[in-house]
């Protein structure tokens, strides 16, 4: 079943430079049947968006700023989101903003059974991030775009250096998650580990650390070992992960 998504973009709060990469990312999670961007299109700060709207079939929604210092765009986007929710035309939402004002909206949509994906910059406040099922940083899409365009090893290396370095805190977080779903021998199916990591921390993404998938990220960490197994039919390789002997484990509760 193809999941139908409503994509709502806060034009006042999101840079336009990587809209193509952003729409490609959204397509991984469902079919964006509704695509709208909100802002005051009489203002020059949105000029960069205008040439991209037709290319990406995004509908601009005009919202005048009625009062200085108040963001009328947020209110218009929230009202539209609730109208779309009650129309029952979509299965989920993608909220594109770095603004914590959408925290309650994300929570309300999830309460209604909607899948909620967030996209924003790394400056996005944590309450909005954790209110989503998954949160993707625009900076990661920027890195991917730079790497795709780069044919020079030097440029690719400099881009790689911009990624976050995985810390001991994050390694302990992964280890605890493996421990949560491991069998009596300590092995955990990596698919289950990835799903639980996402539920615990919606902005956890292997791409933040320079790896396209979770498997190579796990391989890069000396605390863990990986085993590939065939499924019952011998058609598919399943990946299992285990905390190496002598490495710290989380305590079972």
C-alpha atoms as a PDB file:
ATOM      1  CA  UNK A   1       0.000   0.000   0.000  1.00  0.00           C
ATOM      2  CA  UNK A   2       1.394   3.402  -1.002  1.00  0.00           C
ATOM      3  CA  UNK A   3       1.274   5.818   1.928  1.00  0.00           C
ATOM      4  CA  UNK A   4      -0.190   9.207   0.964  1.00  0.00           C
ATOM      5  CA  UNK A   5       1.593  12.152   2.550  1.00  0.00           C
ATOM      6  CA  UNK A   6       0.748  15.814   2.993  1.00  0.00           C
ATOM      7  CA  UNK A   7       3.917  17.910   2.762  1.00  0.00           C
ATOM      8  CA  UNK A   8       3.590  21.267   4.525  1.00  0.00           C
ATOM      9  CA  UNK A   9       6.570  23.621   4.319  1.00  0.00           C
ATOM     10  CA  UNK A  10       7.233  26.652   6.504  1.00  0.00           C
ATOM     11  CA  UNK A  11       8.688  28.939   3.818  1.00  0.00           C
ATOM     12  CA  UNK A  12       9.786  31.537   6.378  1.00  0.00           C
ATOM     13  CA  UNK A  13      11.879  29.012   8.272  1.00  0.00           C
ATOM     14  CA  UNK A  14      13.446  26.676   5.705  1.00  0.00           C
ATOM     15  CA  UNK A  15      16.176  27.380   3.093  1.00  0.00           C
ATOM     16  CA  UNK A  16      15.247  26.687  -0.513  1.00  0.00           C
ATOM     17  CA  UNK A  17      18.648  25.466  -1.704  1.00  0.00           C
ATOM     18  CA  UNK A  18      17.993  21.733  -1.290  1.00  0.00           C
ATOM     19  CA  UNK A  19      14.317  21.410  -2.122  1.00  0.00           C
ATOM     20  CA  UNK A  20      15.048  18.764  -4.791  1.00  0.00           C
ATOM     21  CA  UNK A  21      16.926  16.567  -2.318  1.00  0.00           C
ATOM     22  CA  UNK A  22      14.227  17.193   0.261  1.00  0.00           C
ATOM     23  CA  UNK A  23      11.453  15.984  -2.055  1.00  0.00           C
ATOM     24  CA  UNK A  24      13.507  12.914  -3.003  1.00  0.00           C
ATOM     25  CA  UNK A  25      13.917  12.124   0.696  1.00  0.00           C
ATOM     26  CA  UNK A  26      10.185  12.483   1.345  1.00  0.00           C
ATOM     27  CA  UNK A  27       9.425  10.093  -1.533  1.00  0.00           C
ATOM     28  CA  UNK A  28      11.195   7.329   0.423  1.00  0.00           C
ATOM     29  CA  UNK A  29       8.420   7.373   3.004  1.00  0.00           C
ATOM     30  CA  UNK A  30       5.351   7.763   0.824  1.00  0.00           C
ATOM     31  CA  UNK A  31       3.642   9.511  -2.071  1.00  0.00           C
ATOM     32  CA  UNK A  32       3.436  13.294  -1.460  1.00  0.00           C
ATOM     33  CA  UNK A  33      -0.083  13.872  -2.797  1.00  0.00           C
ATOM     34  CA  UNK A  34      -0.429  17.306  -1.163  1.00  0.00           C
ATOM     35  CA  UNK A  35       2.497  19.747  -1.321  1.00  0.00           C
ATOM     36  CA  UNK A  36       2.078  23.252   0.058  1.00  0.00           C
ATOM     37  CA  UNK A  37       4.434  26.001   1.171  1.00  0.00           C
ATOM     38  CA  UNK A  38       3.367  28.861   3.428  1.00  0.00           C
ATOM     39  CA  UNK A  39       4.665  32.420   3.603  1.00  0.00           C
ATOM     40  CA  UNK A  40       4.154  36.038   2.655  1.00  0.00           C
ATOM     41  CA  UNK A  41       5.028  35.957  -1.043  1.00  0.00           C
ATOM     42  CA  UNK A  42       5.066  39.761  -1.240  1.00  0.00           C
ATOM     43  CA  UNK A  43       8.325  39.760   0.739  1.00  0.00           C
ATOM     44  CA  UNK A  44      11.728  39.455  -0.990  1.00  0.00           C
ATOM     45  CA  UNK A  45      13.059  36.763   1.374  1.00  0.00           C
ATOM     46  CA  UNK A  46      10.913  34.139  -0.414  1.00  0.00           C
ATOM     47  CA  UNK A  47      12.051  35.037  -3.939  1.00  0.00           C
ATOM     48  CA  UNK A  48      14.425  32.062  -4.121  1.00  0.00           C
ATOM     49  CA  UNK A  49      11.501  29.681  -3.576  1.00  0.00           C
ATOM     50  CA  UNK A  50       9.416  31.053  -6.462  1.00  0.00           C
ATOM     51  CA  UNK A  51      11.413  29.474  -9.294  1.00  0.00           C
ATOM     52  CA  UNK A  52      11.386  26.090  -7.538  1.00  0.00           C
ATOM     53  CA  UNK A  53       7.657  25.764  -6.943  1.00  0.00           C
ATOM     54  CA  UNK A  54       6.611  24.808 -10.485  1.00  0.00           C
ATOM     55  CA  UNK A  55       9.582  22.451 -10.868  1.00  0.00           C
ATOM     56  CA  UNK A  56       8.480  20.516  -7.777  1.00  0.00           C
ATOM     57  CA  UNK A  57       4.688  20.974  -8.064  1.00  0.00           C
ATOM     58  CA  UNK A  58       4.470  22.776  -4.724  1.00  0.00           C
ATOM     59  CA  UNK A  59       1.466  25.052  -4.187  1.00  0.00           C
ATOM     60  CA  UNK A  60       2.265  28.430  -2.572  1.00  0.00           C
ATOM     61  CA  UNK A  61      -0.140  29.581   0.129  1.00  0.00           C
ATOM     62  CA  UNK A  62      -0.187  33.340   0.687  1.00  0.00           C
ATOM     63  CA  UNK A  63      -0.268  34.419   4.313  1.00  0.00           C
ATOM     64  CA  UNK A  64       0.134  38.091   5.190  1.00  0.00           C
ATOM     65  CA  UNK A  65       1.795  39.022   8.463  1.00  0.00           C
ATOM     66  CA  UNK A  66      -1.003  40.810  10.255  1.00  0.00           C
ATOM     67  CA  UNK A  67       1.019  41.891  13.287  1.00  0.00           C
ATOM     68  CA  UNK A  68       4.711  42.701  13.628  1.00  0.00           C
ATOM     69  CA  UNK A  69       6.560  40.024  15.583  1.00  0.00           C
ATOM     70  CA  UNK A  70       3.819  37.401  15.153  1.00  0.00           C
ATOM     71  CA  UNK A  71       4.197  34.484  12.741  1.00  0.00           C
ATOM     72  CA  UNK A  72       0.918  34.176  10.881  1.00  0.00           C
ATOM     73  CA  UNK A  73       2.471  31.496   8.650  1.00  0.00           C
ATOM     74  CA  UNK A  74       2.507  29.019  11.548  1.00  0.00           C
ATOM     75  CA  UNK A  75      -1.191  29.518  12.221  1.00  0.00           C
ATOM     76  CA  UNK A  76      -2.147  29.058   8.554  1.00  0.00           C
ATOM     77  CA  UNK A  77      -0.084  25.879   8.308  1.00  0.00           C
ATOM     78  CA  UNK A  78      -1.592  24.428  11.486  1.00  0.00           C
ATOM     79  CA  UNK A  79      -5.160  25.206  10.356  1.00  0.00           C
ATOM     80  CA  UNK A  80      -4.534  23.581   6.970  1.00  0.00           C
ATOM     81  CA  UNK A  81      -2.992  20.528   8.629  1.00  0.00           C
ATOM     82  CA  UNK A  82      -6.107  19.986  10.732  1.00  0.00           C
ATOM     83  CA  UNK A  83      -8.376  20.465   7.699  1.00  0.00           C
ATOM     84  CA  UNK A  84      -6.358  17.845   5.802  1.00  0.00           C
ATOM     85  CA  UNK A  85      -6.451  15.507   8.798  1.00  0.00           C
ATOM     86  CA  UNK A  86     -10.252  15.616   8.956  1.00  0.00           C
ATOM     87  CA  UNK A  87     -10.545  15.200   5.178  1.00  0.00           C
ATOM     88  CA  UNK A  88      -9.065  11.678   5.615  1.00  0.00           C
ATOM     89  CA  UNK A  89      -7.232  12.004   2.291  1.00  0.00           C
ATOM     90  CA  UNK A  90      -3.753  11.196   3.606  1.00  0.00           C
ATOM     91  CA  UNK A  91      -2.040   8.634   5.837  1.00  0.00           C
ATOM     92  CA  UNK A  92       0.702  10.872   7.143  1.00  0.00           C
ATOM     93  CA  UNK A  93       2.313  14.303   7.208  1.00  0.00           C
ATOM     94  CA  UNK A  94       5.733  15.735   6.520  1.00  0.00           C
ATOM     95  CA  UNK A  95       6.236  18.968   8.450  1.00  0.00           C
ATOM     96  CA  UNK A  96       9.164  20.958   7.076  1.00  0.00           C
ATOM     97  CA  UNK A  97      10.302  23.528   9.607  1.00  0.00           C
ATOM     98  CA  UNK A  98      12.892  24.198  12.293  1.00  0.00           C
ATOM     99  CA  UNK A  99      10.300  25.918  14.494  1.00  0.00           C
ATOM    100  CA  UNK A 100       9.254  24.410  17.826  1.00  0.00           C
ATOM    101  CA  UNK A 101       5.792  25.983  17.389  1.00  0.00           C
ATOM    102  CA  UNK A 102       4.821  22.861  15.431  1.00  0.00           C
ATOM    103  CA  UNK A 103       5.486  20.516  18.371  1.00  0.00           C
ATOM    104  CA  UNK A 104       1.850  20.373  19.456  1.00  0.00           C
ATOM    105  CA  UNK A 105       0.683  19.903  15.858  1.00  0.00           C
ATOM    106  CA  UNK A 106       3.005  16.909  15.389  1.00  0.00           C
ATOM    107  CA  UNK A 107       1.795  15.417  18.660  1.00  0.00           C
ATOM    108  CA  UNK A 108      -1.860  15.910  17.723  1.00  0.00           C
ATOM    109  CA  UNK A 109      -1.411  14.321  14.289  1.00  0.00           C
ATOM    110  CA  UNK A 110       0.250  11.269  15.815  1.00  0.00           C
ATOM    111  CA  UNK A 111      -2.553  10.998  18.357  1.00  0.00           C
ATOM    112  CA  UNK A 112      -4.897  10.740  15.360  1.00  0.00           C
ATOM    113  CA  UNK A 113      -2.897   7.798  14.009  1.00  0.00           C
ATOM    114  CA  UNK A 114      -0.953   9.742  11.388  1.00  0.00           C
ATOM    115  CA  UNK A 115       2.688   9.051  10.579  1.00  0.00           C
ATOM    116  CA  UNK A 116       4.626  12.292  11.081  1.00  0.00           C
ATOM    117  CA  UNK A 117       7.990  13.012   9.472  1.00  0.00           C
ATOM    118  CA  UNK A 118       9.891  16.177  10.317  1.00  0.00           C
ATOM    119  CA  UNK A 119      12.552  17.907   8.249  1.00  0.00           C
ATOM    120  CA  UNK A 120      14.523  20.849   9.571  1.00  0.00           C
ATOM    121  CA  UNK A 121      17.927  22.257  10.401  1.00  0.00           C
ATOM    122  CA  UNK A 122      20.103  21.035  13.269  1.00  0.00           C
ATOM    123  CA  UNK A 123      19.058  24.097  15.255  1.00  0.00           C
ATOM    124  CA  UNK A 124      15.533  22.600  15.547  1.00  0.00           C
ATOM    125  CA  UNK A 125      14.500  22.418  19.233  1.00  0.00           C
ATOM    126  CA  UNK A 126      14.345  18.892  20.657  1.00  0.00           C
ATOM    127  CA  UNK A 127      10.619  18.987  21.619  1.00  0.00           C
ATOM    128  CA  UNK A 128       9.621  19.211  17.936  1.00  0.00           C
ATOM    129  CA  UNK A 129      12.105  16.485  16.969  1.00  0.00           C
ATOM    130  CA  UNK A 130      10.824  13.957  19.510  1.00  0.00           C
ATOM    131  CA  UNK A 131       7.202  14.753  18.611  1.00  0.00           C
ATOM    132  CA  UNK A 132       7.816  13.231  15.146  1.00  0.00           C
ATOM    133  CA  UNK A 133       8.118   9.577  14.170  1.00  0.00           C
ATOM    134  CA  UNK A 134      11.299  10.433  12.280  1.00  0.00           C
ATOM    135  CA  UNK A 135      13.240  13.661  11.936  1.00  0.00           C
ATOM    136  CA  UNK A 136      15.721  14.339   9.112  1.00  0.00           C
ATOM    137  CA  UNK A 137      18.297  17.127   9.182  1.00  0.00           C
ATOM    138  CA  UNK A 138      18.537  19.324   6.079  1.00  0.00           C
ATOM    139  CA  UNK A 139      22.305  19.442   6.578  1.00  0.00           C
ATOM    140  CA  UNK A 140      22.466  15.714   5.755  1.00  0.00           C
ATOM    141  CA  UNK A 141      20.611  16.306   2.489  1.00  0.00           C
ATOM    142  CA  UNK A 142      23.071  19.132   1.808  1.00  0.00           C
ATOM    143  CA  UNK A 143      26.011  16.762   2.310  1.00  0.00           C
ATOM    144  CA  UNK A 144      24.451  14.198  -0.018  1.00  0.00           C
ATOM    145  CA  UNK A 145      23.899  16.811  -2.716  1.00  0.00           C
ATOM    146  CA  UNK A 146      27.507  18.000  -2.402  1.00  0.00           C
ATOM    147  CA  UNK A 147      28.850  14.460  -2.636  1.00  0.00           C
ATOM    148  CA  UNK A 148      26.710  13.652  -5.671  1.00  0.00           C
ATOM    149  CA  UNK A 149      27.978  16.737  -7.461  1.00  0.00           C
ATOM    150  CA  UNK A 150      31.590  16.227  -6.461  1.00  0.00           C
ATOM    151  CA  UNK A 151      33.944  14.343  -8.761  1.00  0.00           C
ATOM    152  CA  UNK A 152      36.990  15.270  -6.750  1.00  0.00           C
ATOM    153  CA  UNK A 153      38.262  13.033  -3.945  1.00  0.00           C
ATOM    154  CA  UNK A 154      39.525  16.102  -2.120  1.00  0.00           C
ATOM    155  CA  UNK A 155      36.097  17.732  -2.124  1.00  0.00           C
ATOM    156  CA  UNK A 156      34.396  14.509  -1.059  1.00  0.00           C
ATOM    157  CA  UNK A 157      36.825  14.151   1.860  1.00  0.00           C
ATOM    158  CA  UNK A 158      36.229  17.692   3.062  1.00  0.00           C
ATOM    159  CA  UNK A 159      32.482  17.067   2.970  1.00  0.00           C
ATOM    160  CA  UNK A 160      32.937  13.841   4.939  1.00  0.00           C
ATOM    161  CA  UNK A 161      34.739  15.774   7.665  1.00  0.00           C
ATOM    162  CA  UNK A 162      31.619  17.867   8.227  1.00  0.00           C
ATOM    163  CA  UNK A 163      29.682  14.879   9.585  1.00  0.00           C
ATOM    164  CA  UNK A 164      29.158  14.339  13.312  1.00  0.00           C
ATOM    165  CA  UNK A 165      31.609  12.089  15.117  1.00  0.00           C
ATOM    166  CA  UNK A 166      29.910   9.261  16.933  1.00  0.00           C
ATOM    167  CA  UNK A 167      30.499   9.546  20.673  1.00  0.00           C
ATOM    168  CA  UNK A 168      30.626   7.047  23.513  1.00  0.00           C
ATOM    169  CA  UNK A 169      27.204   8.259  24.601  1.00  0.00           C
ATOM    170  CA  UNK A 170      25.722   7.278  21.231  1.00  0.00           C
ATOM    171  CA  UNK A 171      27.584   3.962  21.230  1.00  0.00           C
ATOM    172  CA  UNK A 172      26.065   3.183  24.654  1.00  0.00           C
ATOM    173  CA  UNK A 173      22.658   4.131  23.255  1.00  0.00           C
ATOM    174  CA  UNK A 174      23.077   1.660  20.375  1.00  0.00           C
ATOM    175  CA  UNK A 175      24.374  -1.037  22.752  1.00  0.00           C
ATOM    176  CA  UNK A 176      21.400  -0.580  25.073  1.00  0.00           C
ATOM    177  CA  UNK A 177      19.023  -0.896  22.122  1.00  0.00           C
ATOM    178  CA  UNK A 178      20.735  -4.074  20.905  1.00  0.00           C
ATOM    179  CA  UNK A 179      20.436  -5.439  24.440  1.00  0.00           C
ATOM    180  CA  UNK A 180      16.714  -4.616  24.486  1.00  0.00           C
ATOM    181  CA  UNK A 181      15.898  -6.830  21.471  1.00  0.00           C
ATOM    182  CA  UNK A 182      18.662  -9.475  21.708  1.00  0.00           C
ATOM    183  CA  UNK A 183      17.954 -13.181  22.139  1.00  0.00           C
ATOM    184  CA  UNK A 184      19.450 -15.301  24.948  1.00  0.00           C
ATOM    185  CA  UNK A 185      22.726 -15.560  23.033  1.00  0.00           C
ATOM    186  CA  UNK A 186      22.980 -11.783  22.673  1.00  0.00           C
ATOM    187  CA  UNK A 187      22.186 -11.617  18.941  1.00  0.00           C
ATOM    188  CA  UNK A 188      19.665  -9.064  17.668  1.00  0.00           C
ATOM    189  CA  UNK A 189      18.155  -8.713  14.197  1.00  0.00           C
ATOM    190  CA  UNK A 190      19.504  -5.412  12.847  1.00  0.00           C
ATOM    191  CA  UNK A 191      16.126  -4.465  11.369  1.00  0.00           C
ATOM    192  CA  UNK A 192      14.584  -4.594  14.850  1.00  0.00           C
ATOM    193  CA  UNK A 193      17.487  -2.598  16.267  1.00  0.00           C
ATOM    194  CA  UNK A 194      17.049   0.108  13.627  1.00  0.00           C
ATOM    195  CA  UNK A 195      13.314   0.367  14.252  1.00  0.00           C
ATOM    196  CA  UNK A 196      13.784   0.698  18.009  1.00  0.00           C
ATOM    197  CA  UNK A 197      16.566   3.272  17.627  1.00  0.00           C
ATOM    198  CA  UNK A 198      14.156   5.365  15.546  1.00  0.00           C
ATOM    199  CA  UNK A 199      11.370   5.053  18.108  1.00  0.00           C
ATOM    200  CA  UNK A 200      13.652   6.015  20.965  1.00  0.00           C
ATOM    201  CA  UNK A 201      15.340   8.895  19.154  1.00  0.00           C
ATOM    202  CA  UNK A 202      13.553  10.147  15.988  1.00  0.00           C
ATOM    203  CA  UNK A 203      16.580  12.088  14.741  1.00  0.00           C
ATOM    204  CA  UNK A 204      18.925   9.092  14.908  1.00  0.00           C
ATOM    205  CA  UNK A 205      20.195   8.645  11.362  1.00  0.00           C
ATOM    206  CA  UNK A 206      23.333   6.828  10.215  1.00  0.00           C
ATOM    207  CA  UNK A 207      23.792   9.596   7.618  1.00  0.00           C
ATOM    208  CA  UNK A 208      24.516  12.052  10.437  1.00  0.00           C
ATOM    209  CA  UNK A 209      27.803  10.157  10.873  1.00  0.00           C
ATOM    210  CA  UNK A 210      28.653   9.782   7.184  1.00  0.00           C
ATOM    211  CA  UNK A 211      27.124   6.333   6.553  1.00  0.00           C
ATOM    212  CA  UNK A 212      24.262   5.774   4.120  1.00  0.00           C
ATOM    213  CA  UNK A 213      22.939   2.756   6.048  1.00  0.00           C
ATOM    214  CA  UNK A 214      22.952   1.421   9.596  1.00  0.00           C
ATOM    215  CA  UNK A 215      24.992  -1.687   8.722  1.00  0.00           C
ATOM    216  CA  UNK A 216      28.227   0.140   7.766  1.00  0.00           C
ATOM    217  CA  UNK A 217      27.834   2.403  10.799  1.00  0.00           C
ATOM    218  CA  UNK A 218      27.628  -0.627  13.104  1.00  0.00           C
ATOM    219  CA  UNK A 219      30.608  -2.211  11.304  1.00  0.00           C
ATOM    220  CA  UNK A 220      32.681   0.902  11.970  1.00  0.00           C
ATOM    221  CA  UNK A 221      32.225   0.572  15.750  1.00  0.00           C
ATOM    222  CA  UNK A 222      34.593  -1.910  17.395  1.00  0.00           C
ATOM    223  CA  UNK A 223      32.118  -2.663  20.205  1.00  0.00           C
ATOM    224  CA  UNK A 224      29.876  -4.694  17.901  1.00  0.00           C
ATOM    225  CA  UNK A 225      30.110  -7.738  15.676  1.00  0.00           C
ATOM    226  CA  UNK A 226      27.894  -8.580  12.713  1.00  0.00           C
ATOM    227  CA  UNK A 227      26.720 -11.920  11.360  1.00  0.00           C
ATOM    228  CA  UNK A 228      24.907 -12.551   8.082  1.00  0.00           C
ATOM    229  CA  UNK A 229      22.379 -15.380   8.019  1.00  0.00           C
ATOM    230  CA  UNK A 230      20.151 -16.854   5.345  1.00  0.00           C
ATOM    231  CA  UNK A 231      16.405 -16.796   5.893  1.00  0.00           C
ATOM    232  CA  UNK A 232      14.425 -20.049   6.157  1.00  0.00           C
ATOM    233  CA  UNK A 233      14.135 -20.244   2.361  1.00  0.00           C
ATOM    234  CA  UNK A 234      17.760 -19.406   1.748  1.00  0.00           C
ATOM    235  CA  UNK A 235      16.773 -16.485  -0.470  1.00  0.00           C
ATOM    236  CA  UNK A 236      17.739 -13.515   1.656  1.00  0.00           C
ATOM    237  CA  UNK A 237      20.650 -12.563   3.858  1.00  0.00           C
ATOM    238  CA  UNK A 238      19.573 -11.348   7.278  1.00  0.00           C
ATOM    239  CA  UNK A 239      21.952  -9.225   9.339  1.00  0.00           C
ATOM    240  CA  UNK A 240      22.332  -9.792  13.070  1.00  0.00           C
ATOM    241  CA  UNK A 241      24.405  -7.754  15.512  1.00  0.00           C
ATOM    242  CA  UNK A 242      25.888  -8.553  18.910  1.00  0.00           C
ATOM    243  CA  UNK A 243      27.850  -6.673  21.552  1.00  0.00           C
ATOM    244  CA  UNK A 244      31.362  -8.094  21.638  1.00  0.00           C
ATOM    245  CA  UNK A 245      32.479  -9.979  24.724  1.00  0.00           C
ATOM    246  CA  UNK A 246      34.127  -7.713  27.252  1.00  0.00           C
ATOM    247  CA  UNK A 247      32.332  -4.614  25.948  1.00  0.00           C
ATOM    248  CA  UNK A 248      29.920  -2.787  28.278  1.00  0.00           C
ATOM    249  CA  UNK A 249      26.268  -3.812  28.056  1.00  0.00           C
ATOM    250  CA  UNK A 250      23.178  -2.139  29.405  1.00  0.00           C
ATOM    251  CA  UNK A 251      21.549  -3.798  32.380  1.00  0.00           C
ATOM    252  CA  UNK A 252      18.323  -5.671  31.753  1.00  0.00           C
ATOM    253  CA  UNK A 253      15.465  -4.317  33.801  1.00  0.00           C
END
